[in-house]
Amino acid sequence: MTSQDRTSPPPQQYAERSYRSPAALVGGALLLLLGLWLGGDALLRGDVHTKLTALSALLLGVPLVVAFTLRPLVRAGEDRLTVRNPFRTITLPWGAVEDLRAAFSAEVFTSGGKYQLWAIPVSLRQRKKVSRQAARGSAPRPRFGLDADAGPVPRAMADQTLDELREIKERATHRESAQGEPAVRWSYAVLAPLVVGAVGLAVMVAV
């Protein structure tokens, strides 16, 4: 078989991963239901001033709830990291990512600055719990029986997620298709009704 007949195996493909906060999704859905219930009641039964005030409040409140609870998302693909925060969407080729850290919040660092990962909340309480488990697990345990070693102590969820993102980054950082500059887009679909609602509510309160 000649060299021309040999075909190199295709590069390994990795499934795209998405990360969101389940607690934020549940909380956001409950807040939306409550706001729509109260606002809908005011729109149906109130006078003109009350209806306009309720409409303005909904235009302000619904986008805010959506922005901070339902919208945040981190999507890790083969070539780029997409960070969807409350008011912006940041697209980062893996070659532009310098580091990922989680102190009081999860952040991604580039040569031009840093961006917060809203979809990956850092729980200090969970970290303390894991630290206590690790301290108990550091004591020697028997290999068999009820007190047998059950394996490594799990890490906090945010730290596990960032470990996964670092692994993807290491695989992609030198790939030609993963090079480029960060791109930032503002979410006008969230900002426009929010501004209209804020102005309308201010006017109705002042009247």
N, C-alpha and C. Protein backbone atom coordinates (compact mmCIF):
# COMPACT_ATOMS: atom_id res chain seq x y z
N MET A 1 0.86 -1.20 0.00
CA MET A 1 0.00 0.00 0.00
C MET A 1 0.88 1.24 0.00
N THR A 2 0.67 2.13 -0.97
CA THR A 2 1.48 3.33 -1.06
C THR A 2 1.00 4.37 -0.07
N SER A 3 1.84 5.39 0.09
CA SER A 3 1.47 6.46 1.03
C SER A 3 0.23 7.20 0.57
N GLN A 4 0.00 7.22 -0.79
CA GLN A 4 -1.18 7.91 -1.28
C GLN A 4 -2.45 7.15 -0.94
N ASP A 5 -2.31 5.80 -0.77
CA ASP A 5 -3.48 4.99 -0.47
C ASP A 5 -3.85 5.04 1.00
N ARG A 6 -2.86 5.43 1.83
CA ARG A 6 -3.14 5.47 3.25
C ARG A 6 -3.99 6.70 3.56
N THR A 7 -4.96 6.52 4.38
CA THR A 7 -5.80 7.64 4.83
C THR A 7 -5.70 7.76 6.33
N SER A 8 -5.43 8.97 6.80
CA SER A 8 -5.34 9.19 8.24
C SER A 8 -6.72 9.17 8.84
N PRO A 9 -6.87 8.65 10.07
CA PRO A 9 -8.19 8.60 10.70
C PRO A 9 -8.70 10.00 10.96
N PRO A 10 -10.01 10.21 10.86
CA PRO A 10 -10.57 11.54 11.10
C PRO A 10 -10.35 11.95 12.55
N PRO A 11 -10.20 13.25 12.80
CA PRO A 11 -10.01 13.71 14.18
C PRO A 11 -11.19 13.33 15.04
N GLN A 12 -10.90 13.00 16.28
CA GLN A 12 -11.95 12.57 17.20
C GLN A 12 -12.91 13.72 17.48
N GLN A 13 -14.18 13.42 17.41
CA GLN A 13 -15.21 14.42 17.66
C GLN A 13 -15.69 14.32 19.10
N TYR A 14 -15.91 15.48 19.71
CA TYR A 14 -16.38 15.52 21.08
C TYR A 14 -17.75 16.19 21.12
N ALA A 15 -18.62 15.62 21.91
CA ALA A 15 -19.98 16.16 22.00
C ALA A 15 -19.95 17.53 22.67
N GLU A 16 -20.77 18.43 22.16
CA GLU A 16 -20.88 19.75 22.76
C GLU A 16 -21.53 19.63 24.14
N ARG A 17 -21.02 20.38 25.09
CA ARG A 17 -21.55 20.33 26.45
C ARG A 17 -22.15 21.68 26.82
N SER A 18 -23.28 21.62 27.51
CA SER A 18 -23.94 22.84 27.97
C SER A 18 -24.09 22.79 29.48
N TYR A 19 -23.93 23.94 30.12
CA TYR A 19 -24.00 24.03 31.58
C TYR A 19 -24.96 25.15 31.95
N ARG A 20 -25.90 24.82 32.86
CA ARG A 20 -26.85 25.81 33.39
C ARG A 20 -27.04 25.53 34.86
N SER A 21 -27.63 26.50 35.57
CA SER A 21 -27.90 26.34 36.99
C SER A 21 -29.33 25.86 37.18
N PRO A 22 -29.54 24.61 37.63
CA PRO A 22 -30.92 24.12 37.85
C PRO A 22 -31.68 24.97 38.86
N ALA A 23 -31.01 25.42 39.92
CA ALA A 23 -31.69 26.24 40.93
C ALA A 23 -32.18 27.55 40.33
N ALA A 24 -31.36 28.16 39.45
CA ALA A 24 -31.77 29.42 38.81
C ALA A 24 -32.96 29.19 37.88
N LEU A 25 -32.96 28.08 37.16
CA LEU A 25 -34.07 27.78 36.25
C LEU A 25 -35.38 27.62 37.02
N VAL A 26 -35.34 26.87 38.13
CA VAL A 26 -36.54 26.66 38.93
C VAL A 26 -37.00 27.97 39.56
N GLY A 27 -36.07 28.71 40.15
CA GLY A 27 -36.42 29.98 40.77
C GLY A 27 -36.97 30.97 39.77
N GLY A 28 -36.37 31.03 38.58
CA GLY A 28 -36.85 31.94 37.55
C GLY A 28 -38.25 31.60 37.09
N ALA A 29 -38.52 30.31 36.90
CA ALA A 29 -39.86 29.89 36.47
C ALA A 29 -40.91 30.25 37.52
N LEU A 30 -40.59 30.06 38.81
CA LEU A 30 -41.54 30.40 39.87
C LEU A 30 -41.78 31.91 39.94
N LEU A 31 -40.72 32.69 39.79
CA LEU A 31 -40.88 34.15 39.81
C LEU A 31 -41.71 34.63 38.64
N LEU A 32 -41.52 34.04 37.47
CA LEU A 32 -42.31 34.42 36.31
C LEU A 32 -43.79 34.10 36.51
N LEU A 33 -44.06 32.92 37.06
CA LEU A 33 -45.45 32.55 37.31
C LEU A 33 -46.11 33.51 38.30
N LEU A 34 -45.37 33.85 39.36
CA LEU A 34 -45.91 34.78 40.36
C LEU A 34 -46.14 36.16 39.75
N GLY A 35 -45.16 36.65 38.99
CA GLY A 35 -45.30 37.98 38.39
C GLY A 35 -46.42 38.04 37.38
N LEU A 36 -46.55 37.00 36.55
CA LEU A 36 -47.62 36.99 35.56
C LEU A 36 -48.99 36.88 36.22
N TRP A 37 -49.06 36.15 37.32
CA TRP A 37 -50.34 36.03 38.04
C TRP A 37 -50.76 37.37 38.61
N LEU A 38 -49.83 38.03 39.32
CA LEU A 38 -50.16 39.33 39.92
C LEU A 38 -50.41 40.38 38.85
N GLY A 39 -49.52 40.41 37.84
CA GLY A 39 -49.69 41.40 36.78
C GLY A 39 -50.93 41.17 35.96
N GLY A 40 -51.22 39.90 35.66
CA GLY A 40 -52.42 39.60 34.90
C GLY A 40 -53.68 40.00 35.63
N ASP A 41 -53.69 39.79 36.94
CA ASP A 41 -54.85 40.18 37.74
C ASP A 41 -55.05 41.69 37.70
N ALA A 42 -53.94 42.44 37.79
CA ALA A 42 -54.04 43.89 37.73
C ALA A 42 -54.49 44.37 36.36
N LEU A 43 -54.04 43.71 35.31
CA LEU A 43 -54.45 44.09 33.96
C LEU A 43 -55.93 43.81 33.71
N LEU A 44 -56.46 42.78 34.33
CA LEU A 44 -57.86 42.40 34.12
C LEU A 44 -58.82 43.23 34.98
N ARG A 45 -58.43 43.55 36.21
CA ARG A 45 -59.37 44.15 37.17
C ARG A 45 -59.08 45.61 37.51
N GLY A 46 -57.91 46.10 37.19
CA GLY A 46 -57.56 47.45 37.61
C GLY A 46 -58.11 48.53 36.70
N ASP A 47 -57.98 49.78 37.17
CA ASP A 47 -58.36 50.91 36.34
C ASP A 47 -57.24 51.19 35.33
N VAL A 48 -57.39 52.25 34.56
CA VAL A 48 -56.43 52.53 33.49
C VAL A 48 -55.03 52.76 34.05
N HIS A 49 -54.94 53.55 35.12
CA HIS A 49 -53.63 53.83 35.72
C HIS A 49 -52.99 52.55 36.24
N THR A 50 -53.80 51.71 36.89
CA THR A 50 -53.27 50.45 37.43
C THR A 50 -52.82 49.52 36.31
N LYS A 51 -53.59 49.48 35.23
CA LYS A 51 -53.22 48.61 34.11
C LYS A 51 -51.91 49.05 33.46
N LEU A 52 -51.76 50.37 33.25
CA LEU A 52 -50.52 50.86 32.65
C LEU A 52 -49.33 50.64 33.58
N THR A 53 -49.55 50.80 34.88
CA THR A 53 -48.48 50.55 35.84
C THR A 53 -48.08 49.07 35.84
N ALA A 54 -49.08 48.18 35.82
CA ALA A 54 -48.80 46.75 35.80
C ALA A 54 -48.08 46.34 34.52
N LEU A 55 -48.51 46.92 33.40
CA LEU A 55 -47.86 46.60 32.13
C LEU A 55 -46.40 47.05 32.14
N SER A 56 -46.14 48.24 32.65
CA SER A 56 -44.77 48.73 32.73
C SER A 56 -43.92 47.87 33.66
N ALA A 57 -44.54 47.45 34.79
CA ALA A 57 -43.82 46.61 35.74
C ALA A 57 -43.48 45.26 35.12
N LEU A 58 -44.40 44.71 34.32
CA LEU A 58 -44.12 43.44 33.65
C LEU A 58 -43.03 43.59 32.60
N LEU A 59 -43.07 44.69 31.86
CA LEU A 59 -42.03 44.93 30.85
C LEU A 59 -40.65 45.08 31.50
N LEU A 60 -40.63 45.59 32.71
CA LEU A 60 -39.37 45.72 33.44
C LEU A 60 -38.98 44.42 34.14
N GLY A 61 -39.93 43.79 34.81
CA GLY A 61 -39.60 42.64 35.65
C GLY A 61 -39.35 41.36 34.89
N VAL A 62 -40.17 41.07 33.87
CA VAL A 62 -40.01 39.80 33.15
C VAL A 62 -38.64 39.69 32.49
N PRO A 63 -38.17 40.71 31.74
CA PRO A 63 -36.82 40.60 31.16
C PRO A 63 -35.72 40.46 32.21
N LEU A 64 -35.88 41.13 33.36
CA LEU A 64 -34.88 41.01 34.41
C LEU A 64 -34.81 39.59 34.95
N VAL A 65 -35.98 39.00 35.22
CA VAL A 65 -36.01 37.62 35.72
C VAL A 65 -35.42 36.66 34.70
N VAL A 66 -35.83 36.82 33.44
CA VAL A 66 -35.31 35.96 32.38
C VAL A 66 -33.79 36.12 32.25
N ALA A 67 -33.32 37.36 32.29
CA ALA A 67 -31.90 37.63 32.10
C ALA A 67 -31.03 36.97 33.16
N PHE A 68 -31.47 37.02 34.41
CA PHE A 68 -30.62 36.54 35.50
C PHE A 68 -30.88 35.10 35.91
N THR A 69 -31.94 34.48 35.39
CA THR A 69 -32.23 33.10 35.80
C THR A 69 -32.29 32.13 34.63
N LEU A 70 -33.08 32.44 33.60
CA LEU A 70 -33.27 31.50 32.50
C LEU A 70 -32.24 31.66 31.39
N ARG A 71 -31.73 32.83 31.19
CA ARG A 71 -30.83 33.09 30.07
C ARG A 71 -29.41 32.57 30.24
N PRO A 72 -28.77 32.69 31.41
CA PRO A 72 -27.36 32.29 31.53
C PRO A 72 -27.10 30.85 31.08
N LEU A 73 -26.05 30.70 30.29
CA LEU A 73 -25.69 29.40 29.72
C LEU A 73 -24.21 29.42 29.37
N VAL A 74 -23.55 28.30 29.58
CA VAL A 74 -22.18 28.11 29.11
C VAL A 74 -22.20 26.89 28.19
N ARG A 75 -21.76 27.09 26.95
CA ARG A 75 -21.74 26.00 25.98
C ARG A 75 -20.29 25.79 25.51
N ALA A 76 -19.79 24.57 25.71
CA ALA A 76 -18.42 24.24 25.35
C ALA A 76 -18.43 23.36 24.10
N GLY A 77 -17.96 23.90 23.00
CA GLY A 77 -17.84 23.14 21.77
C GLY A 77 -16.41 22.74 21.52
N GLU A 78 -16.17 22.11 20.38
CA GLU A 78 -14.81 21.68 20.05
C GLU A 78 -13.87 22.85 19.87
N ASP A 79 -14.35 23.92 19.26
CA ASP A 79 -13.47 25.03 18.88
C ASP A 79 -13.67 26.29 19.69
N ARG A 80 -14.80 26.39 20.38
CA ARG A 80 -15.04 27.66 21.08
C ARG A 80 -15.92 27.46 22.31
N LEU A 81 -15.81 28.44 23.19
CA LEU A 81 -16.63 28.49 24.40
C LEU A 81 -17.60 29.65 24.25
N THR A 82 -18.89 29.35 24.39
CA THR A 82 -19.91 30.38 24.30
C THR A 82 -20.47 30.65 25.69
N VAL A 83 -20.40 31.89 26.11
CA VAL A 83 -20.85 32.30 27.44
C VAL A 83 -22.03 33.25 27.27
N ARG A 84 -23.20 32.82 27.70
CA ARG A 84 -24.39 33.65 27.62
C ARG A 84 -24.71 34.17 29.01
N ASN A 85 -24.44 35.43 29.23
CA ASN A 85 -24.67 36.09 30.51
C ASN A 85 -25.97 36.90 30.43
N PRO A 86 -26.40 37.55 31.53
CA PRO A 86 -27.69 38.24 31.51
C PRO A 86 -27.90 39.19 30.33
N PHE A 87 -26.91 40.00 29.99
CA PHE A 87 -27.11 41.01 28.96
C PHE A 87 -26.15 40.89 27.78
N ARG A 88 -25.23 39.93 27.82
CA ARG A 88 -24.26 39.78 26.74
C ARG A 88 -24.05 38.31 26.41
N THR A 89 -23.63 38.05 25.18
CA THR A 89 -23.18 36.73 24.76
C THR A 89 -21.75 36.86 24.28
N ILE A 90 -20.86 36.11 24.90
CA ILE A 90 -19.44 36.18 24.58
C ILE A 90 -19.02 34.87 23.92
N THR A 91 -18.45 34.97 22.73
CA THR A 91 -17.94 33.80 22.01
C THR A 91 -16.42 33.83 22.07
N LEU A 92 -15.83 32.79 22.68
CA LEU A 92 -14.40 32.74 22.91
C LEU A 92 -13.80 31.52 22.21
N PRO A 93 -13.03 31.70 21.13
CA PRO A 93 -12.28 30.56 20.60
C PRO A 93 -11.35 30.02 21.69
N TRP A 94 -11.19 28.70 21.74
CA TRP A 94 -10.38 28.12 22.82
C TRP A 94 -8.95 28.65 22.82
N GLY A 95 -8.45 29.01 21.67
CA GLY A 95 -7.10 29.56 21.61
C GLY A 95 -6.96 30.89 22.31
N ALA A 96 -8.08 31.61 22.47
CA ALA A 96 -8.05 32.91 23.15
C ALA A 96 -8.24 32.79 24.65
N VAL A 97 -8.61 31.60 25.14
CA VAL A 97 -8.84 31.40 26.57
C VAL A 97 -7.50 31.12 27.26
N GLU A 98 -7.16 31.94 28.25
CA GLU A 98 -5.91 31.76 28.98
C GLU A 98 -6.09 30.95 30.25
N ASP A 99 -7.23 31.13 30.92
CA ASP A 99 -7.42 30.42 32.20
C ASP A 99 -8.90 30.41 32.56
N LEU A 100 -9.25 29.48 33.42
CA LEU A 100 -10.60 29.39 33.99
C LEU A 100 -10.45 29.22 35.49
N ARG A 101 -11.11 30.09 36.25
CA ARG A 101 -10.95 30.05 37.71
C ARG A 101 -12.31 30.19 38.39
N ALA A 102 -12.36 29.69 39.60
CA ALA A 102 -13.58 29.82 40.41
C ALA A 102 -13.18 30.17 41.82
N ALA A 103 -13.30 31.43 42.19
CA ALA A 103 -13.05 31.87 43.57
C ALA A 103 -14.41 32.12 44.21
N PHE A 104 -14.88 33.37 44.17
CA PHE A 104 -16.23 33.67 44.63
C PHE A 104 -17.23 33.57 43.48
N SER A 105 -16.73 33.58 42.25
CA SER A 105 -17.55 33.37 41.06
C SER A 105 -16.67 32.68 40.02
N ALA A 106 -17.31 32.01 39.07
CA ALA A 106 -16.58 31.34 38.00
C ALA A 106 -16.26 32.37 36.92
N GLU A 107 -15.02 32.38 36.46
CA GLU A 107 -14.57 33.38 35.50
C GLU A 107 -13.67 32.74 34.45
N VAL A 108 -13.72 33.28 33.24
CA VAL A 108 -12.82 32.88 32.17
C VAL A 108 -11.96 34.08 31.82
N PHE A 109 -10.67 33.83 31.65
CA PHE A 109 -9.70 34.91 31.43
C PHE A 109 -9.14 34.83 30.00
N THR A 110 -9.02 36.00 29.37
CA THR A 110 -8.38 36.12 28.07
C THR A 110 -7.33 37.23 28.17
N SER A 111 -6.58 37.43 27.10
CA SER A 111 -5.57 38.49 27.12
C SER A 111 -6.21 39.87 27.24
N GLY A 112 -7.49 39.99 26.84
CA GLY A 112 -8.16 41.28 26.89
C GLY A 112 -8.96 41.53 28.14
N GLY A 113 -9.05 40.56 29.04
CA GLY A 113 -9.82 40.75 30.26
C GLY A 113 -10.43 39.45 30.74
N LYS A 114 -11.46 39.57 31.55
CA LYS A 114 -12.12 38.40 32.10
C LYS A 114 -13.63 38.54 31.96
N TYR A 115 -14.30 37.40 31.93
CA TYR A 115 -15.75 37.36 31.81
C TYR A 115 -16.29 36.39 32.85
N GLN A 116 -17.36 36.81 33.51
CA GLN A 116 -17.97 35.97 34.53
C GLN A 116 -18.87 34.93 33.88
N LEU A 117 -18.87 33.72 34.45
CA LEU A 117 -19.71 32.64 33.97
C LEU A 117 -20.94 32.55 34.88
N TRP A 118 -21.98 33.27 34.52
CA TRP A 118 -23.18 33.33 35.36
C TRP A 118 -23.86 31.98 35.50
N ALA A 119 -23.73 31.13 34.49
CA ALA A 119 -24.43 29.84 34.50
C ALA A 119 -23.76 28.82 35.41
N ILE A 120 -22.57 29.15 35.94
CA ILE A 120 -21.85 28.21 36.82
C ILE A 120 -21.67 28.89 38.17
N PRO A 121 -22.67 28.82 39.05
CA PRO A 121 -22.56 29.48 40.35
C PRO A 121 -21.57 28.75 41.26
N VAL A 122 -20.87 29.52 42.07
CA VAL A 122 -19.93 28.97 43.04
C VAL A 122 -20.59 28.98 44.41
N SER A 123 -20.73 27.81 45.01
CA SER A 123 -21.34 27.68 46.33
C SER A 123 -20.25 27.49 47.38
N LEU A 124 -20.04 28.53 48.20
CA LEU A 124 -19.04 28.42 49.26
C LEU A 124 -19.48 27.39 50.30
N ARG A 125 -20.79 27.30 50.51
CA ARG A 125 -21.30 26.30 51.47
C ARG A 125 -20.98 24.89 50.98
N GLN A 126 -21.17 24.65 49.69
CA GLN A 126 -20.86 23.33 49.14
C GLN A 126 -19.37 23.03 49.25
N ARG A 127 -18.55 24.03 49.04
CA ARG A 127 -17.10 23.84 49.15
C ARG A 127 -16.70 23.47 50.58
N LYS A 128 -17.32 24.13 51.56
CA LYS A 128 -17.01 23.81 52.95
C LYS A 128 -17.42 22.38 53.27
N LYS A 129 -18.57 21.98 52.75
CA LYS A 129 -19.04 20.61 52.98
C LYS A 129 -18.08 19.60 52.38
N VAL A 130 -17.61 19.87 51.15
CA VAL A 130 -16.67 18.97 50.49
C VAL A 130 -15.34 18.95 51.25
N SER A 131 -14.92 20.11 51.76
CA SER A 131 -13.67 20.16 52.53
C SER A 131 -13.77 19.31 53.79
N ARG A 132 -14.94 19.35 54.46
CA ARG A 132 -15.11 18.52 55.65
C ARG A 132 -15.07 17.04 55.28
N GLN A 133 -15.70 16.69 54.16
CA GLN A 133 -15.67 15.30 53.71
C GLN A 133 -14.25 14.86 53.38
N ALA A 134 -13.49 15.77 52.75
CA ALA A 134 -12.11 15.45 52.41
C ALA A 134 -11.26 15.26 53.66
N ALA A 135 -11.53 16.09 54.69
CA ALA A 135 -10.77 15.96 55.93
C ALA A 135 -11.07 14.62 56.60
N ARG A 136 -12.34 14.22 56.59
CA ARG A 136 -12.68 12.91 57.16
C ARG A 136 -12.12 11.78 56.32
N GLY A 137 -12.08 11.99 55.00
CA GLY A 137 -11.58 10.94 54.13
C GLY A 137 -10.08 10.79 54.13
N SER A 138 -9.37 11.79 54.70
CA SER A 138 -7.91 11.70 54.73
C SER A 138 -7.42 10.69 55.75
N ALA A 139 -8.27 10.32 56.71
CA ALA A 139 -7.88 9.32 57.70
C ALA A 139 -7.85 7.94 57.04
N PRO A 140 -6.91 7.08 57.40
CA PRO A 140 -6.84 5.74 56.80
C PRO A 140 -8.09 4.92 57.10
N ARG A 141 -8.56 4.18 56.08
CA ARG A 141 -9.76 3.37 56.23
C ARG A 141 -9.47 1.93 55.82
N PRO A 142 -10.22 0.99 56.38
CA PRO A 142 -10.04 -0.39 55.97
C PRO A 142 -10.50 -0.60 54.54
N ARG A 143 -10.00 -1.63 53.90
CA ARG A 143 -10.35 -1.91 52.51
C ARG A 143 -11.70 -2.62 52.38
N PHE A 144 -12.17 -3.24 53.47
CA PHE A 144 -13.43 -3.98 53.40
C PHE A 144 -14.32 -3.57 54.58
N GLY A 145 -15.61 -3.90 54.48
CA GLY A 145 -16.53 -3.62 55.57
C GLY A 145 -17.27 -2.32 55.38
N LEU A 146 -18.04 -1.95 56.39
CA LEU A 146 -18.86 -0.76 56.30
C LEU A 146 -18.04 0.51 56.21
N ASP A 147 -16.85 0.50 56.78
CA ASP A 147 -16.00 1.69 56.78
C ASP A 147 -14.98 1.67 55.66
N ALA A 148 -15.20 0.80 54.67
CA ALA A 148 -14.23 0.69 53.58
C ALA A 148 -14.19 1.99 52.78
N ASP A 149 -13.06 2.23 52.15
CA ASP A 149 -12.87 3.43 51.35
C ASP A 149 -13.80 3.38 50.13
N ALA A 150 -14.66 4.39 49.99
CA ALA A 150 -15.63 4.42 48.90
C ALA A 150 -15.11 5.16 47.68
N GLY A 151 -13.84 5.52 47.66
CA GLY A 151 -13.27 6.21 46.51
C GLY A 151 -12.96 7.66 46.84
N PRO A 152 -12.53 8.42 45.84
CA PRO A 152 -12.16 9.81 46.08
C PRO A 152 -13.35 10.66 46.49
N VAL A 153 -13.09 11.64 47.34
CA VAL A 153 -14.14 12.55 47.78
C VAL A 153 -14.52 13.47 46.63
N PRO A 154 -15.81 13.62 46.31
CA PRO A 154 -16.21 14.47 45.19
C PRO A 154 -15.87 15.93 45.44
N ARG A 155 -15.65 16.67 44.34
CA ARG A 155 -15.35 18.09 44.44
C ARG A 155 -16.64 18.89 44.30
N ALA A 156 -16.58 20.17 44.64
CA ALA A 156 -17.74 21.04 44.48
C ALA A 156 -18.12 21.10 43.00
N MET A 157 -19.41 21.32 42.74
CA MET A 157 -19.91 21.26 41.38
C MET A 157 -19.21 22.26 40.46
N ALA A 158 -19.01 23.50 40.92
CA ALA A 158 -18.35 24.50 40.09
C ALA A 158 -16.93 24.07 39.74
N ASP A 159 -16.21 23.49 40.70
CA ASP A 159 -14.84 23.05 40.45
C ASP A 159 -14.81 21.89 39.47
N GLN A 160 -15.76 20.98 39.58
CA GLN A 160 -15.84 19.88 38.62
C GLN A 160 -16.10 20.40 37.21
N THR A 161 -17.01 21.36 37.10
CA THR A 161 -17.34 21.90 35.78
C THR A 161 -16.13 22.59 35.16
N LEU A 162 -15.39 23.37 35.95
CA LEU A 162 -14.23 24.05 35.40
C LEU A 162 -13.14 23.06 35.03
N ASP A 163 -13.02 21.96 35.76
CA ASP A 163 -12.07 20.90 35.38
C ASP A 163 -12.42 20.35 33.99
N GLU A 164 -13.70 20.13 33.74
CA GLU A 164 -14.13 19.64 32.43
C GLU A 164 -13.82 20.65 31.34
N LEU A 165 -14.07 21.93 31.62
CA LEU A 165 -13.80 22.97 30.62
C LEU A 165 -12.30 23.08 30.35
N ARG A 166 -11.47 22.93 31.38
CA ARG A 166 -10.02 22.97 31.16
C ARG A 166 -9.56 21.81 30.29
N GLU A 167 -10.15 20.64 30.48
CA GLU A 167 -9.79 19.49 29.65
C GLU A 167 -10.13 19.74 28.18
N ILE A 168 -11.31 20.32 27.93
CA ILE A 168 -11.69 20.64 26.56
C ILE A 168 -10.74 21.68 25.98
N LYS A 169 -10.40 22.67 26.78
CA LYS A 169 -9.47 23.71 26.33
C LYS A 169 -8.12 23.11 25.95
N GLU A 170 -7.59 22.22 26.78
CA GLU A 170 -6.29 21.62 26.50
C GLU A 170 -6.30 20.83 25.20
N ARG A 171 -7.42 20.17 24.90
CA ARG A 171 -7.50 19.41 23.66
C ARG A 171 -7.57 20.31 22.44
N ALA A 172 -8.14 21.52 22.61
CA ALA A 172 -8.44 22.35 21.44
C ALA A 172 -7.52 23.55 21.28
N THR A 173 -6.74 23.88 22.29
CA THR A 173 -6.05 25.17 22.30
C THR A 173 -5.09 25.37 21.13
N HIS A 174 -4.50 24.27 20.59
CA HIS A 174 -3.56 24.40 19.47
C HIS A 174 -4.18 24.07 18.13
N ARG A 175 -5.48 23.76 18.10
CA ARG A 175 -6.14 23.46 16.84
C ARG A 175 -6.36 24.74 16.05
N GLU A 176 -6.10 24.70 14.76
CA GLU A 176 -6.19 25.90 13.94
C GLU A 176 -7.60 26.47 13.93
N SER A 177 -8.61 25.59 13.93
CA SER A 177 -9.99 26.06 13.90
C SER A 177 -10.44 26.66 15.22
N ALA A 178 -9.62 26.53 16.27
CA ALA A 178 -9.97 27.07 17.58
C ALA A 178 -9.28 28.39 17.87
N GLN A 179 -8.70 29.01 16.84
CA GLN A 179 -8.02 30.29 17.02
C GLN A 179 -8.95 31.44 16.64
N GLY A 180 -8.65 32.61 17.14
CA GLY A 180 -9.45 33.79 16.81
C GLY A 180 -9.55 34.74 17.99
N GLU A 181 -10.33 35.76 17.82
CA GLU A 181 -10.52 36.78 18.84
C GLU A 181 -11.90 36.65 19.49
N PRO A 182 -12.03 37.04 20.76
CA PRO A 182 -13.34 37.02 21.41
C PRO A 182 -14.33 37.95 20.71
N ALA A 183 -15.58 37.55 20.70
CA ALA A 183 -16.65 38.37 20.13
C ALA A 183 -17.74 38.56 21.18
N VAL A 184 -18.18 39.79 21.35
CA VAL A 184 -19.18 40.13 22.38
C VAL A 184 -20.39 40.74 21.70
N ARG A 185 -21.57 40.21 21.99
CA ARG A 185 -22.83 40.75 21.46
C ARG A 185 -23.77 41.07 22.62
N TRP A 186 -24.39 42.25 22.56
CA TRP A 186 -25.37 42.64 23.56
C TRP A 186 -26.72 42.03 23.22
N SER A 187 -27.49 41.67 24.24
CA SER A 187 -28.81 41.07 24.04
C SER A 187 -29.86 42.19 24.05
N TYR A 188 -30.13 42.74 22.87
CA TYR A 188 -31.10 43.83 22.78
C TYR A 188 -32.53 43.32 22.99
N ALA A 189 -32.76 42.03 22.76
CA ALA A 189 -34.09 41.47 23.01
C ALA A 189 -34.45 41.53 24.49
N VAL A 190 -33.45 41.55 25.35
CA VAL A 190 -33.68 41.70 26.79
C VAL A 190 -33.64 43.17 27.19
N LEU A 191 -32.69 43.92 26.63
CA LEU A 191 -32.49 45.31 27.05
C LEU A 191 -33.61 46.23 26.60
N ALA A 192 -34.15 46.04 25.40
CA ALA A 192 -35.15 46.97 24.87
C ALA A 192 -36.42 46.99 25.72
N PRO A 193 -37.09 45.85 25.98
CA PRO A 193 -38.30 45.92 26.82
C PRO A 193 -37.99 46.36 28.25
N LEU A 194 -36.80 46.03 28.73
CA LEU A 194 -36.42 46.43 30.09
C LEU A 194 -36.37 47.96 30.20
N VAL A 195 -35.76 48.62 29.21
CA VAL A 195 -35.67 50.08 29.23
C VAL A 195 -37.06 50.70 29.08
N VAL A 196 -37.87 50.15 28.17
CA VAL A 196 -39.23 50.67 27.98
C VAL A 196 -40.03 50.53 29.28
N GLY A 197 -39.93 49.37 29.93
CA GLY A 197 -40.64 49.17 31.17
C GLY A 197 -40.18 50.10 32.28
N ALA A 198 -38.86 50.31 32.37
CA ALA A 198 -38.34 51.20 33.42
C ALA A 198 -38.82 52.62 33.23
N VAL A 199 -38.80 53.09 31.97
CA VAL A 199 -39.26 54.47 31.68
C VAL A 199 -40.77 54.57 31.96
N GLY A 200 -41.53 53.57 31.49
CA GLY A 200 -42.97 53.60 31.71
C GLY A 200 -43.34 53.56 33.19
N LEU A 201 -42.63 52.73 33.95
CA LEU A 201 -42.94 52.64 35.38
C LEU A 201 -42.60 53.95 36.09
N ALA A 202 -41.48 54.57 35.71
CA ALA A 202 -41.09 55.84 36.32
C ALA A 202 -42.15 56.91 36.04
N VAL A 203 -42.67 56.92 34.81
CA VAL A 203 -43.68 57.91 34.44
C VAL A 203 -44.98 57.68 35.21
N MET A 204 -45.38 56.39 35.32
CA MET A 204 -46.64 56.09 36.02
C MET A 204 -46.55 56.38 37.50
N VAL A 205 -45.39 56.15 38.09
CA VAL A 205 -45.23 56.46 39.52
C VAL A 205 -45.24 57.98 39.76
N ALA A 206 -44.66 58.71 38.81
CA ALA A 206 -44.60 60.17 38.96
C ALA A 206 -45.94 60.84 38.73
N VAL A 207 -46.83 60.19 37.97
CA VAL A 207 -48.14 60.80 37.67
C VAL A 207 -49.03 60.79 38.89
